[in-house]
Structure formats: structure tokens, C-alpha cells
Amino acid sequence: MKFTNLLILGLMAVVTPVIVNAATETVVTKNSDGGTTTTTTRTYYYSDYDKNDNGILDSDEFSIYAYNRWDRNRDGFLSSDEWDTSAVRWYGPANTEYKTYKFWDKDGDGRLDSNEFGSLVSTTKLYNTWDVNADATLESDEYATATFRLYDTNDDGALNMQEWKNSQ
């Protein structure tokens, strides 16, 4: 692996908790003989969205996470500008599966609410593109990989300062 990629992965491990709250889970298990206790700790980086605290994002939780990331001005709706920016970043410029903003605006009010967006996520199977091992759970490594891919808008395998600022 190239040094640059290792450096980026290290940077992501350090800065990802700054982007979203991290949660640590401790699992305590007893050996079969009832003697010693083994403790394992894991960290996941989406605790604000993991409403059932199971350490993974299910498809409903993911939809809320994605909606909040797309809603850049935090007004509770997606504007056509937010759509234009985020749809290309999350689906890629060549992907036409996400169709147009007007197509998803089912009530025709000129903005997408969370229900309309949930329909989009479900129909286009966006969650499945993040869940690379297809086990119906989004784990930390899948989340980190997909998030990095979102931030790396020029697909060069590194984050420049502008890409980092745009991710916030």
C-alpha cells in the first residue's frame, strides 16, 4: 500500500470521531470454565444515528443519517441546490438511477422532506452501496470507506484541504 494511502487511512482514524460522535461498546464474556473474564471493546462512529444502540446503522437509521448530511443548511428540507450537490457526490456523476429532483418531489412543493428522501434511498438502494458485504448491516469499516469515498470528490485517493472543508 502506498505511503499516501496509509497516511490517509491514519488521518481518517484520527479525524473521523471529530466529524461524528463516536461510541465505545464493551462486551464482557466469561470463559466456558466460568473463570476468567475477557473484555473486548469496539468503537463505532455514528452513535447519533444508531437509535437502537446495536453498533450498526440499519437502513432506516442510514436514511436519517443521509438526509441530515444532504440538508446542508439544516432547514429540514432538501432544496434543488442541495440535491444537485449531494446526488452527484453520493451516487456519482454518471449514475442516472437517482433521476431528477422533481421526480422525487412527490407532492410538488419544491422541496424534499424526509419521507420523500426515504423513498429515494429505498428505491435506489443507496444503503446497499454502502453495505459492501451485503449483510444488511452498516459497520464501522464500511461506513469509513464510503464516507472517505464521498469526501474524495476528485477520486485521487487523498483528501485535499478543499475536499476536507466541503465535507463539513
C-alpha atoms as a PDB file:
ATOM      1  CA  MET A   1       0.000   0.000   0.000  1.00  0.00           C
ATOM      2  CA  LYS A   2       1.359   3.418  -0.890  1.00  0.00           C
ATOM      3  CA  PHE A   3       2.538   5.665   1.925  1.00  0.00           C
ATOM      4  CA  THR A   4      -0.029   8.301   0.934  1.00  0.00           C
ATOM      5  CA  ASN A   5      -2.884   5.811   1.342  1.00  0.00           C
ATOM      6  CA  LEU A   6      -1.571   4.692   4.728  1.00  0.00           C
ATOM      7  CA  LEU A   7      -1.286   8.306   5.813  1.00  0.00           C
ATOM      8  CA  ILE A   8      -4.858   8.978   4.695  1.00  0.00           C
ATOM      9  CA  LEU A   9      -6.210   5.943   6.496  1.00  0.00           C
ATOM     10  CA  GLY A  10      -4.395   7.040   9.637  1.00  0.00           C
ATOM     11  CA  LEU A  11      -5.769  10.553   9.261  1.00  0.00           C
ATOM     12  CA  MET A  12      -9.292   9.194   8.851  1.00  0.00           C
ATOM     13  CA  ALA A  13      -8.927   7.138  12.013  1.00  0.00           C
ATOM     14  CA  VAL A  14      -7.896  10.254  13.918  1.00  0.00           C
ATOM     15  CA  VAL A  15     -10.322  12.795  12.483  1.00  0.00           C
ATOM     16  CA  THR A  16     -13.447  10.716  11.887  1.00  0.00           C
ATOM     17  CA  PRO A  17     -14.515  10.956  15.540  1.00  0.00           C
ATOM     18  CA  VAL A  18     -14.421  14.738  15.165  1.00  0.00           C
ATOM     19  CA  ILE A  19     -16.932  14.576  12.313  1.00  0.00           C
ATOM     20  CA  VAL A  20     -19.483  12.418  14.108  1.00  0.00           C
ATOM     21  CA  ASN A  21     -19.718  11.275  17.688  1.00  0.00           C
ATOM     22  CA  ALA A  22     -18.031   8.002  18.418  1.00  0.00           C
ATOM     23  CA  ALA A  23     -19.366   5.442  20.845  1.00  0.00           C
ATOM     24  CA  THR A  24     -17.485   2.647  22.514  1.00  0.00           C
ATOM     25  CA  GLU A  25     -19.081  -0.647  23.396  1.00  0.00           C
ATOM     26  CA  THR A  26     -17.584  -3.047  25.886  1.00  0.00           C
ATOM     27  CA  VAL A  27     -18.581  -6.694  25.704  1.00  0.00           C
ATOM     28  CA  VAL A  28     -17.746  -8.910  28.645  1.00  0.00           C
ATOM     29  CA  THR A  29     -17.738 -12.673  28.166  1.00  0.00           C
ATOM     30  CA  LYS A  30     -16.897 -15.484  30.543  1.00  0.00           C
ATOM     31  CA  ASN A  31     -14.843 -18.474  29.567  1.00  0.00           C
ATOM     32  CA  SER A  32     -16.554 -21.840  29.396  1.00  0.00           C
ATOM     33  CA  ASP A  33     -14.951 -22.855  32.692  1.00  0.00           C
ATOM     34  CA  GLY A  34     -16.627 -19.874  34.383  1.00  0.00           C
ATOM     35  CA  GLY A  35     -13.239 -18.480  35.382  1.00  0.00           C
ATOM     36  CA  THR A  36     -11.574 -15.538  33.744  1.00  0.00           C
ATOM     37  CA  THR A  37     -13.452 -12.770  32.016  1.00  0.00           C
ATOM     38  CA  THR A  38     -12.436 -11.408  28.620  1.00  0.00           C
ATOM     39  CA  THR A  39     -13.315  -7.829  27.683  1.00  0.00           C
ATOM     40  CA  THR A  40     -13.496  -6.651  24.081  1.00  0.00           C
ATOM     41  CA  THR A  41     -14.026  -3.030  23.119  1.00  0.00           C
ATOM     42  CA  ARG A  42     -15.032  -1.671  19.745  1.00  0.00           C
ATOM     43  CA  THR A  43     -15.713   1.839  18.549  1.00  0.00           C
ATOM     44  CA  TYR A  44     -18.260   2.958  16.008  1.00  0.00           C
ATOM     45  CA  TYR A  45     -18.643   6.437  14.563  1.00  0.00           C
ATOM     46  CA  TYR A  46     -22.329   7.062  14.092  1.00  0.00           C
ATOM     47  CA  SER A  47     -23.765   6.843  17.576  1.00  0.00           C
ATOM     48  CA  ASP A  48     -26.010   9.871  16.984  1.00  0.00           C
ATOM     49  CA  TYR A  49     -27.870   7.906  14.308  1.00  0.00           C
ATOM     50  CA  ASP A  50     -27.735   4.407  15.812  1.00  0.00           C
ATOM     51  CA  LYS A  51     -31.031   4.820  17.664  1.00  0.00           C
ATOM     52  CA  ASN A  52     -31.247   1.224  18.891  1.00  0.00           C
ATOM     53  CA  ASP A  53     -27.584   1.254  20.068  1.00  0.00           C
ATOM     54  CA  ASN A  54     -26.661  -2.004  18.387  1.00  0.00           C
ATOM     55  CA  GLY A  55     -23.418  -0.692  16.851  1.00  0.00           C
ATOM     56  CA  ILE A  56     -24.640  -0.721  13.251  1.00  0.00           C
ATOM     57  CA  LEU A  57     -26.732   1.514  11.049  1.00  0.00           C
ATOM     58  CA  ASP A  58     -29.777  -0.237   9.700  1.00  0.00           C
ATOM     59  CA  SER A  59     -31.449   1.048   6.546  1.00  0.00           C
ATOM     60  CA  ASP A  60     -33.910   3.312   8.405  1.00  0.00           C
ATOM     61  CA  GLU A  61     -31.138   4.851  10.516  1.00  0.00           C
ATOM     62  CA  PHE A  62     -28.995   5.251   7.409  1.00  0.00           C
ATOM     63  CA  SER A  63     -31.776   7.143   5.643  1.00  0.00           C
ATOM     64  CA  ILE A  64     -31.914   9.658   8.510  1.00  0.00           C
ATOM     65  CA  TYR A  65     -28.121   9.979   8.502  1.00  0.00           C
ATOM     66  CA  ALA A  66     -28.000  10.578   4.738  1.00  0.00           C
ATOM     67  CA  TYR A  67     -30.890  13.059   4.842  1.00  0.00           C
ATOM     68  CA  ASN A  68     -29.136  15.102   7.512  1.00  0.00           C
ATOM     69  CA  ARG A  69     -25.874  15.082   5.538  1.00  0.00           C
ATOM     70  CA  TRP A  70     -27.656  16.239   2.362  1.00  0.00           C
ATOM     71  CA  ASP A  71     -29.550  19.016   4.189  1.00  0.00           C
ATOM     72  CA  ARG A  72     -26.553  21.360   4.273  1.00  0.00           C
ATOM     73  CA  ASN A  73     -28.435  24.404   5.620  1.00  0.00           C
ATOM     74  CA  ARG A  74     -30.229  22.322   8.274  1.00  0.00           C
ATOM     75  CA  ASP A  75     -33.706  23.662   7.472  1.00  0.00           C
ATOM     76  CA  GLY A  76     -35.339  20.220   7.478  1.00  0.00           C
ATOM     77  CA  PHE A  77     -35.842  20.046   3.699  1.00  0.00           C
ATOM     78  CA  LEU A  78     -33.695  19.402   0.664  1.00  0.00           C
ATOM     79  CA  SER A  79     -33.563  22.207  -1.863  1.00  0.00           C
ATOM     80  CA  SER A  80     -32.713  21.643  -5.502  1.00  0.00           C
ATOM     81  CA  ASP A  81     -29.225  23.099  -4.863  1.00  0.00           C
ATOM     82  CA  GLU A  82     -28.607  20.643  -2.013  1.00  0.00           C
ATOM     83  CA  TRP A  83     -29.898  17.900  -4.300  1.00  0.00           C
ATOM     84  CA  ASP A  84     -27.541  18.878  -7.116  1.00  0.00           C
ATOM     85  CA  THR A  85     -24.528  18.874  -4.813  1.00  0.00           C
ATOM     86  CA  SER A  86     -25.285  15.734  -2.851  1.00  0.00           C
ATOM     87  CA  ALA A  87     -26.801  13.460  -5.504  1.00  0.00           C
ATOM     88  CA  VAL A  88     -23.653  13.664  -7.610  1.00  0.00           C
ATOM     89  CA  ARG A  89     -21.407  13.129  -4.580  1.00  0.00           C
ATOM     90  CA  TRP A  90     -23.344  10.174  -3.195  1.00  0.00           C
ATOM     91  CA  TYR A  91     -24.329   8.448  -6.426  1.00  0.00           C
ATOM     92  CA  GLY A  92     -21.585   9.594  -8.794  1.00  0.00           C
ATOM     93  CA  PRO A  93     -21.885  11.852 -11.838  1.00  0.00           C
ATOM     94  CA  ALA A  94     -22.502   9.010 -14.293  1.00  0.00           C
ATOM     95  CA  ASN A  95     -25.303   7.391 -12.293  1.00  0.00           C
ATOM     96  CA  THR A  96     -28.771   8.309 -13.529  1.00  0.00           C
ATOM     97  CA  GLU A  97     -30.580   5.935 -11.183  1.00  0.00           C
ATOM     98  CA  TYR A  98     -31.358   8.821  -8.821  1.00  0.00           C
ATOM     99  CA  LYS A  99     -33.278  10.569 -11.630  1.00  0.00           C
ATOM    100  CA  THR A 100     -34.167  14.227 -11.022  1.00  0.00           C
ATOM    101  CA  TYR A 101     -35.125  16.382  -8.082  1.00  0.00           C
ATOM    102  CA  LYS A 102     -38.640  16.874  -9.463  1.00  0.00           C
ATOM    103  CA  PHE A 103     -39.119  13.116  -9.832  1.00  0.00           C
ATOM    104  CA  TRP A 104     -38.639  12.587  -6.073  1.00  0.00           C
ATOM    105  CA  ASP A 105     -40.640  15.665  -5.041  1.00  0.00           C
ATOM    106  CA  LYS A 106     -43.881  13.660  -4.996  1.00  0.00           C
ATOM    107  CA  ASP A 107     -46.077  16.408  -3.524  1.00  0.00           C
ATOM    108  CA  GLY A 108     -44.656  19.034  -5.918  1.00  0.00           C
ATOM    109  CA  ASP A 109     -43.926  21.595  -3.210  1.00  0.00           C
ATOM    110  CA  GLY A 110     -40.416  22.342  -4.497  1.00  0.00           C
ATOM    111  CA  ARG A 111     -38.577  20.673  -1.613  1.00  0.00           C
ATOM    112  CA  LEU A 112     -37.901  17.149  -0.464  1.00  0.00           C
ATOM    113  CA  ASP A 113     -38.989  16.120   3.001  1.00  0.00           C
ATOM    114  CA  SER A 114     -37.607  13.149   4.916  1.00  0.00           C
ATOM    115  CA  ASN A 115     -40.370  10.802   3.674  1.00  0.00           C
ATOM    116  CA  GLU A 116     -39.677  11.622   0.027  1.00  0.00           C
ATOM    117  CA  PHE A 117     -35.981  11.174   0.678  1.00  0.00           C
ATOM    118  CA  GLY A 118     -36.588   7.851   2.441  1.00  0.00           C
ATOM    119  CA  SER A 119     -38.370   6.659  -0.696  1.00  0.00           C
ATOM    120  CA  LEU A 120     -35.346   7.711  -2.755  1.00  0.00           C
ATOM    121  CA  VAL A 121     -32.887   5.845  -0.525  1.00  0.00           C
ATOM    122  CA  SER A 122     -35.021   2.717  -0.554  1.00  0.00           C
ATOM    123  CA  THR A 123     -35.796   2.726  -4.281  1.00  0.00           C
ATOM    124  CA  THR A 124     -32.251   3.414  -5.446  1.00  0.00           C
ATOM    125  CA  LYS A 125     -30.724   1.010  -2.912  1.00  0.00           C
ATOM    126  CA  LEU A 126     -28.213   3.602  -1.695  1.00  0.00           C
ATOM    127  CA  TYR A 127     -27.832   1.708   1.575  1.00  0.00           C
ATOM    128  CA  ASN A 128     -26.742  -1.365  -0.376  1.00  0.00           C
ATOM    129  CA  THR A 129     -23.860   0.541  -1.987  1.00  0.00           C
ATOM    130  CA  TRP A 130     -22.502   1.318   1.496  1.00  0.00           C
ATOM    131  CA  ASP A 131     -23.146  -2.208   2.804  1.00  0.00           C
ATOM    132  CA  VAL A 132     -20.431  -3.768   0.643  1.00  0.00           C
ATOM    133  CA  ASN A 133     -20.545  -7.223   2.240  1.00  0.00           C
ATOM    134  CA  ALA A 134     -24.350  -7.327   1.777  1.00  0.00           C
ATOM    135  CA  ASP A 135     -25.078  -8.482   5.316  1.00  0.00           C
ATOM    136  CA  ALA A 136     -27.825  -5.842   5.835  1.00  0.00           C
ATOM    137  CA  THR A 137     -25.729  -4.016   8.428  1.00  0.00           C
ATOM    138  CA  LEU A 138     -23.511  -0.999   8.006  1.00  0.00           C
ATOM    139  CA  GLU A 139     -20.454  -1.490  10.163  1.00  0.00           C
ATOM    140  CA  SER A 140     -17.688   0.967  11.041  1.00  0.00           C
ATOM    141  CA  ASP A 141     -15.293  -0.131   8.310  1.00  0.00           C
ATOM    142  CA  GLU A 142     -17.981   0.097   5.626  1.00  0.00           C
ATOM    143  CA  TYR A 143     -19.053   3.484   6.965  1.00  0.00           C
ATOM    144  CA  ALA A 144     -15.462   4.787   6.989  1.00  0.00           C
ATOM    145  CA  THR A 145     -14.747   3.546   3.462  1.00  0.00           C
ATOM    146  CA  ALA A 146     -17.922   5.021   1.985  1.00  0.00           C
ATOM    147  CA  THR A 147     -17.510   8.301   3.858  1.00  0.00           C
ATOM    148  CA  PHE A 148     -13.951   8.673   2.610  1.00  0.00           C
ATOM    149  CA  ARG A 149     -15.181   7.980  -0.935  1.00  0.00           C
ATOM    150  CA  LEU A 150     -17.717  10.810  -0.517  1.00  0.00           C
ATOM    151  CA  TYR A 151     -15.087  13.272   0.630  1.00  0.00           C
ATOM    152  CA  ASP A 152     -12.587  12.348  -2.086  1.00  0.00           C
ATOM    153  CA  THR A 153     -14.547  14.136  -4.820  1.00  0.00           C
ATOM    154  CA  ASN A 154     -11.713  14.046  -7.382  1.00  0.00           C
ATOM    155  CA  ASP A 155     -11.138  10.295  -6.808  1.00  0.00           C
ATOM    156  CA  ASP A 156      -7.381  10.619  -6.344  1.00  0.00           C
ATOM    157  CA  GLY A 157      -7.251   8.524  -3.157  1.00  0.00           C
ATOM    158  CA  ALA A 158      -6.334  11.531  -1.000  1.00  0.00           C
ATOM    159  CA  LEU A 159      -8.163  14.378   0.675  1.00  0.00           C
ATOM    160  CA  ASN A 160      -7.024  17.872  -0.163  1.00  0.00           C
ATOM    161  CA  MET A 161      -7.935  20.851   2.013  1.00  0.00           C
ATOM    162  CA  GLN A 162     -10.896  21.862  -0.175  1.00  0.00           C
ATOM    163  CA  GLU A 163     -12.383  18.368  -0.068  1.00  0.00           C
ATOM    164  CA  TRP A 164     -11.989  18.343   3.705  1.00  0.00           C
ATOM    165  CA  LYS A 165     -13.698  21.739   4.064  1.00  0.00           C
ATOM    166  CA  ASN A 166     -16.545  20.631   1.779  1.00  0.00           C
ATOM    167  CA  SER A 167     -17.176  17.577   3.947  1.00  0.00           C
ATOM    168  CA  GLN A 168     -18.120  19.626   6.978  1.00  0.00           C
END
